[in-house]
């Protein structure tokens, strides 16, 4: 009978630890979304329980969506590191696995959402100008680049 009790205790500890890791992961998404002023709700679907952000059909700006997607895996990995150094190896392992799994570009993962959000963000740095041909006085067909014109070269 003690083996059944110890098995039940082990299952309880494993499920409880997994719940802590999952709640911390999802709470990170919710906290970042709320910090950006988006509506947060709990979502239950066929893939499990998660955090929904925004109204149905609402478009979330790319940088906001990228930071919301990155928050979960980053908090999971931070929790894994702190749990490891605190001596809670089970929590460290579960948090690390959750963070690393969501950092891989699987369908419906945070990494896939992060990549999709970042692809919609325009570059903050100014774009480099492409050389534009400048016509040369000697003929309509001959052109030279602005760089060549600035150096006085003939094209």
C-alpha atoms as a PDB file:
ATOM      1  CA  UNK A   1       0.000   0.000   0.000  1.00  0.00           C
ATOM      2  CA  UNK A   2       2.887   2.378   0.633  1.00  0.00           C
ATOM      3  CA  UNK A   3       4.085   2.049  -2.941  1.00  0.00           C
ATOM      4  CA  UNK A   4       0.690   3.277  -4.202  1.00  0.00           C
ATOM      5  CA  UNK A   5       0.768   6.184  -1.747  1.00  0.00           C
ATOM      6  CA  UNK A   6       4.294   7.134  -2.775  1.00  0.00           C
ATOM      7  CA  UNK A   7       3.320   6.860  -6.450  1.00  0.00           C
ATOM      8  CA  UNK A   8       0.330   9.133  -5.817  1.00  0.00           C
ATOM      9  CA  UNK A   9       2.567  11.594  -4.000  1.00  0.00           C
ATOM     10  CA  UNK A  10       5.073  11.566  -6.863  1.00  0.00           C
ATOM     11  CA  UNK A  11       2.344  12.196  -9.438  1.00  0.00           C
ATOM     12  CA  UNK A  12       0.947  15.014  -7.287  1.00  0.00           C
ATOM     13  CA  UNK A  13       4.401  16.629  -7.025  1.00  0.00           C
ATOM     14  CA  UNK A  14       5.082  16.289 -10.757  1.00  0.00           C
ATOM     15  CA  UNK A  15       1.702  17.710 -11.779  1.00  0.00           C
ATOM     16  CA  UNK A  16       1.977  20.525  -9.235  1.00  0.00           C
ATOM     17  CA  UNK A  17       5.440  21.439 -10.451  1.00  0.00           C
ATOM     18  CA  UNK A  18       4.293  21.367 -14.070  1.00  0.00           C
ATOM     19  CA  UNK A  19       1.394  23.651 -13.143  1.00  0.00           C
ATOM     20  CA  UNK A  20       3.776  26.148 -11.508  1.00  0.00           C
ATOM     21  CA  UNK A  21       5.994  26.188 -14.605  1.00  0.00           C
ATOM     22  CA  UNK A  22       3.010  26.580 -16.943  1.00  0.00           C
ATOM     23  CA  UNK A  23       1.315  29.296 -14.885  1.00  0.00           C
ATOM     24  CA  UNK A  24       4.555  31.313 -14.709  1.00  0.00           C
ATOM     25  CA  UNK A  25       5.001  30.959 -18.490  1.00  0.00           C
ATOM     26  CA  UNK A  26       1.456  32.060 -19.308  1.00  0.00           C
ATOM     27  CA  UNK A  27       1.479  34.810 -16.661  1.00  0.00           C
ATOM     28  CA  UNK A  28       4.513  36.313 -18.388  1.00  0.00           C
ATOM     29  CA  UNK A  29       2.562  36.557 -21.656  1.00  0.00           C
ATOM     30  CA  UNK A  30      -0.369  38.124 -19.799  1.00  0.00           C
ATOM     31  CA  UNK A  31       1.774  40.613 -17.882  1.00  0.00           C
ATOM     32  CA  UNK A  32       3.531  41.905 -20.994  1.00  0.00           C
ATOM     33  CA  UNK A  33       0.248  42.120 -22.908  1.00  0.00           C
ATOM     34  CA  UNK A  34      -1.380  44.033 -20.064  1.00  0.00           C
ATOM     35  CA  UNK A  35       1.632  46.335 -19.845  1.00  0.00           C
ATOM     36  CA  UNK A  36       1.075  47.268 -23.502  1.00  0.00           C
ATOM     37  CA  UNK A  37      -2.608  47.903 -22.794  1.00  0.00           C
ATOM     38  CA  UNK A  38      -4.088  44.847 -24.526  1.00  0.00           C
ATOM     39  CA  UNK A  39      -7.048  42.907 -23.177  1.00  0.00           C
ATOM     40  CA  UNK A  40      -6.012  39.569 -21.651  1.00  0.00           C
ATOM     41  CA  UNK A  41      -8.235  36.509 -21.235  1.00  0.00           C
ATOM     42  CA  UNK A  42      -7.789  32.815 -20.468  1.00  0.00           C
ATOM     43  CA  UNK A  43      -8.342  30.625 -23.512  1.00  0.00           C
ATOM     44  CA  UNK A  44      -9.119  26.935 -23.501  1.00  0.00           C
ATOM     45  CA  UNK A  45      -8.986  25.162 -26.844  1.00  0.00           C
ATOM     46  CA  UNK A  46      -8.008  21.774 -28.236  1.00  0.00           C
ATOM     47  CA  UNK A  47      -4.290  22.561 -27.791  1.00  0.00           C
ATOM     48  CA  UNK A  48      -4.730  23.296 -24.067  1.00  0.00           C
ATOM     49  CA  UNK A  49      -5.067  26.326 -21.859  1.00  0.00           C
ATOM     50  CA  UNK A  50      -3.314  29.558 -22.711  1.00  0.00           C
ATOM     51  CA  UNK A  51      -3.543  33.299 -22.638  1.00  0.00           C
ATOM     52  CA  UNK A  52      -5.526  35.142 -25.287  1.00  0.00           C
ATOM     53  CA  UNK A  53      -4.559  38.710 -26.047  1.00  0.00           C
ATOM     54  CA  UNK A  54      -6.744  41.349 -27.638  1.00  0.00           C
ATOM     55  CA  UNK A  55     -10.271  41.282 -28.947  1.00  0.00           C
ATOM     56  CA  UNK A  56     -11.331  38.763 -31.566  1.00  0.00           C
ATOM     57  CA  UNK A  57     -10.140  40.071 -34.907  1.00  0.00           C
ATOM     58  CA  UNK A  58      -7.993  42.806 -33.331  1.00  0.00           C
ATOM     59  CA  UNK A  59      -4.614  43.342 -34.943  1.00  0.00           C
ATOM     60  CA  UNK A  60      -1.801  43.648 -32.420  1.00  0.00           C
ATOM     61  CA  UNK A  61       1.181  45.737 -33.565  1.00  0.00           C
ATOM     62  CA  UNK A  62       4.185  43.646 -34.580  1.00  0.00           C
ATOM     63  CA  UNK A  63       6.605  44.764 -31.885  1.00  0.00           C
ATOM     64  CA  UNK A  64       3.975  44.294 -29.155  1.00  0.00           C
ATOM     65  CA  UNK A  65       3.174  40.806 -30.457  1.00  0.00           C
ATOM     66  CA  UNK A  66       6.870  39.897 -30.626  1.00  0.00           C
ATOM     67  CA  UNK A  67       7.517  40.979 -27.043  1.00  0.00           C
ATOM     68  CA  UNK A  68       4.395  39.176 -25.810  1.00  0.00           C
ATOM     69  CA  UNK A  69       5.501  35.974 -27.577  1.00  0.00           C
ATOM     70  CA  UNK A  70       9.064  36.204 -26.243  1.00  0.00           C
ATOM     71  CA  UNK A  71       8.001  36.790 -22.632  1.00  0.00           C
ATOM     72  CA  UNK A  72       6.860  33.210 -21.950  1.00  0.00           C
ATOM     73  CA  UNK A  73      10.024  31.344 -22.974  1.00  0.00           C
ATOM     74  CA  UNK A  74      12.263  33.971 -21.363  1.00  0.00           C
ATOM     75  CA  UNK A  75      10.461  33.702 -18.022  1.00  0.00           C
ATOM     76  CA  UNK A  76      10.487  29.903 -18.272  1.00  0.00           C
ATOM     77  CA  UNK A  77      14.249  29.888 -18.788  1.00  0.00           C
ATOM     78  CA  UNK A  78      14.783  32.433 -15.993  1.00  0.00           C
ATOM     79  CA  UNK A  79      12.631  30.312 -13.664  1.00  0.00           C
ATOM     80  CA  UNK A  80      14.625  27.225 -14.664  1.00  0.00           C
ATOM     81  CA  UNK A  81      17.911  28.928 -13.819  1.00  0.00           C
ATOM     82  CA  UNK A  82      16.698  30.274 -10.497  1.00  0.00           C
ATOM     83  CA  UNK A  83      15.080  26.953  -9.537  1.00  0.00           C
ATOM     84  CA  UNK A  84      18.299  25.121 -10.417  1.00  0.00           C
ATOM     85  CA  UNK A  85      20.383  27.357  -8.177  1.00  0.00           C
ATOM     86  CA  UNK A  86      17.751  27.105  -5.424  1.00  0.00           C
ATOM     87  CA  UNK A  87      18.010  23.311  -5.573  1.00  0.00           C
ATOM     88  CA  UNK A  88      14.581  22.539  -7.054  1.00  0.00           C
ATOM     89  CA  UNK A  89      15.763  20.348  -9.901  1.00  0.00           C
ATOM     90  CA  UNK A  90      12.300  19.144 -10.924  1.00  0.00           C
ATOM     91  CA  UNK A  91      11.003  22.701 -11.365  1.00  0.00           C
ATOM     92  CA  UNK A  92      14.232  23.661 -13.130  1.00  0.00           C
ATOM     93  CA  UNK A  93      13.901  20.764 -15.566  1.00  0.00           C
ATOM     94  CA  UNK A  94      10.221  21.347 -16.323  1.00  0.00           C
ATOM     95  CA  UNK A  95      10.668  25.091 -16.782  1.00  0.00           C
ATOM     96  CA  UNK A  96      13.683  24.579 -19.032  1.00  0.00           C
ATOM     97  CA  UNK A  97      11.817  22.049 -21.163  1.00  0.00           C
ATOM     98  CA  UNK A  98       8.809  24.359 -21.471  1.00  0.00           C
ATOM     99  CA  UNK A  99      10.990  27.341 -22.360  1.00  0.00           C
ATOM    100  CA  UNK A 100      13.124  25.455 -24.871  1.00  0.00           C
ATOM    101  CA  UNK A 101      10.134  23.761 -26.494  1.00  0.00           C
ATOM    102  CA  UNK A 102       8.446  27.136 -26.995  1.00  0.00           C
ATOM    103  CA  UNK A 103      11.690  28.587 -28.338  1.00  0.00           C
ATOM    104  CA  UNK A 104      11.591  26.135 -31.259  1.00  0.00           C
ATOM    105  CA  UNK A 105       9.641  27.092 -34.396  1.00  0.00           C
ATOM    106  CA  UNK A 106       6.955  24.406 -34.146  1.00  0.00           C
ATOM    107  CA  UNK A 107       3.392  25.230 -35.223  1.00  0.00           C
ATOM    108  CA  UNK A 108       1.584  27.238 -32.523  1.00  0.00           C
ATOM    109  CA  UNK A 109       4.812  27.809 -30.563  1.00  0.00           C
ATOM    110  CA  UNK A 110       5.926  31.130 -29.164  1.00  0.00           C
ATOM    111  CA  UNK A 111       8.956  31.141 -31.469  1.00  0.00           C
ATOM    112  CA  UNK A 112       6.702  30.880 -34.526  1.00  0.00           C
ATOM    113  CA  UNK A 113       4.567  33.751 -33.210  1.00  0.00           C
ATOM    114  CA  UNK A 114       7.706  35.785 -32.479  1.00  0.00           C
ATOM    115  CA  UNK A 115       9.066  35.234 -36.001  1.00  0.00           C
ATOM    116  CA  UNK A 116       5.731  36.135 -37.592  1.00  0.00           C
ATOM    117  CA  UNK A 117       5.493  39.302 -35.513  1.00  0.00           C
ATOM    118  CA  UNK A 118       9.057  40.360 -36.265  1.00  0.00           C
ATOM    119  CA  UNK A 119       8.564  39.817 -39.985  1.00  0.00           C
ATOM    120  CA  UNK A 120       5.845  42.456 -39.903  1.00  0.00           C
ATOM    121  CA  UNK A 121       8.009  45.010 -38.073  1.00  0.00           C
ATOM    122  CA  UNK A 122       9.753  47.482 -40.318  1.00  0.00           C
ATOM    123  CA  UNK A 123      13.402  48.129 -39.816  1.00  0.00           C
ATOM    124  CA  UNK A 124      14.090  50.959 -37.392  1.00  0.00           C
ATOM    125  CA  UNK A 125      17.381  51.834 -39.095  1.00  0.00           C
ATOM    126  CA  UNK A 126      17.146  54.070 -42.163  1.00  0.00           C
ATOM    127  CA  UNK A 127      17.423  52.229 -45.424  1.00  0.00           C
ATOM    128  CA  UNK A 128      20.593  52.621 -47.429  1.00  0.00           C
ATOM    129  CA  UNK A 129      20.123  54.520 -50.622  1.00  0.00           C
ATOM    130  CA  UNK A 130      20.582  52.522 -53.760  1.00  0.00           C
ATOM    131  CA  UNK A 131      22.763  54.145 -56.387  1.00  0.00           C
ATOM    132  CA  UNK A 132      20.641  55.989 -58.933  1.00  0.00           C
ATOM    133  CA  UNK A 133      22.068  56.357 -62.446  1.00  0.00           C
ATOM    134  CA  UNK A 134      22.920  59.948 -63.357  1.00  0.00           C
ATOM    135  CA  UNK A 135      22.918  60.802 -67.072  1.00  0.00           C
ATOM    136  CA  UNK A 136      26.229  61.890 -68.597  1.00  0.00           C
ATOM    137  CA  UNK A 137      26.287  64.946 -70.838  1.00  0.00           C
ATOM    138  CA  UNK A 138      27.777  63.166 -73.848  1.00  0.00           C
ATOM    139  CA  UNK A 139      24.822  60.943 -74.724  1.00  0.00           C
ATOM    140  CA  UNK A 140      21.392  59.813 -73.636  1.00  0.00           C
ATOM    141  CA  UNK A 141      22.375  56.120 -73.391  1.00  0.00           C
ATOM    142  CA  UNK A 142      25.450  56.537 -71.220  1.00  0.00           C
ATOM    143  CA  UNK A 143      24.840  56.709 -67.474  1.00  0.00           C
ATOM    144  CA  UNK A 144      27.076  56.709 -64.445  1.00  0.00           C
ATOM    145  CA  UNK A 145      26.410  56.178 -60.780  1.00  0.00           C
ATOM    146  CA  UNK A 146      26.279  58.998 -58.256  1.00  0.00           C
ATOM    147  CA  UNK A 147      29.440  57.666 -56.648  1.00  0.00           C
ATOM    148  CA  UNK A 148      31.282  57.911 -59.963  1.00  0.00           C
ATOM    149  CA  UNK A 149      29.871  61.385 -60.522  1.00  0.00           C
ATOM    150  CA  UNK A 150      31.015  62.482 -57.068  1.00  0.00           C
ATOM    151  CA  UNK A 151      34.572  61.345 -57.820  1.00  0.00           C
ATOM    152  CA  UNK A 152      34.582  62.982 -61.214  1.00  0.00           C
ATOM    153  CA  UNK A 153      34.907  59.734 -63.121  1.00  0.00           C
ATOM    154  CA  UNK A 154      33.648  59.462 -66.646  1.00  0.00           C
ATOM    155  CA  UNK A 155      31.333  56.547 -67.408  1.00  0.00           C
END
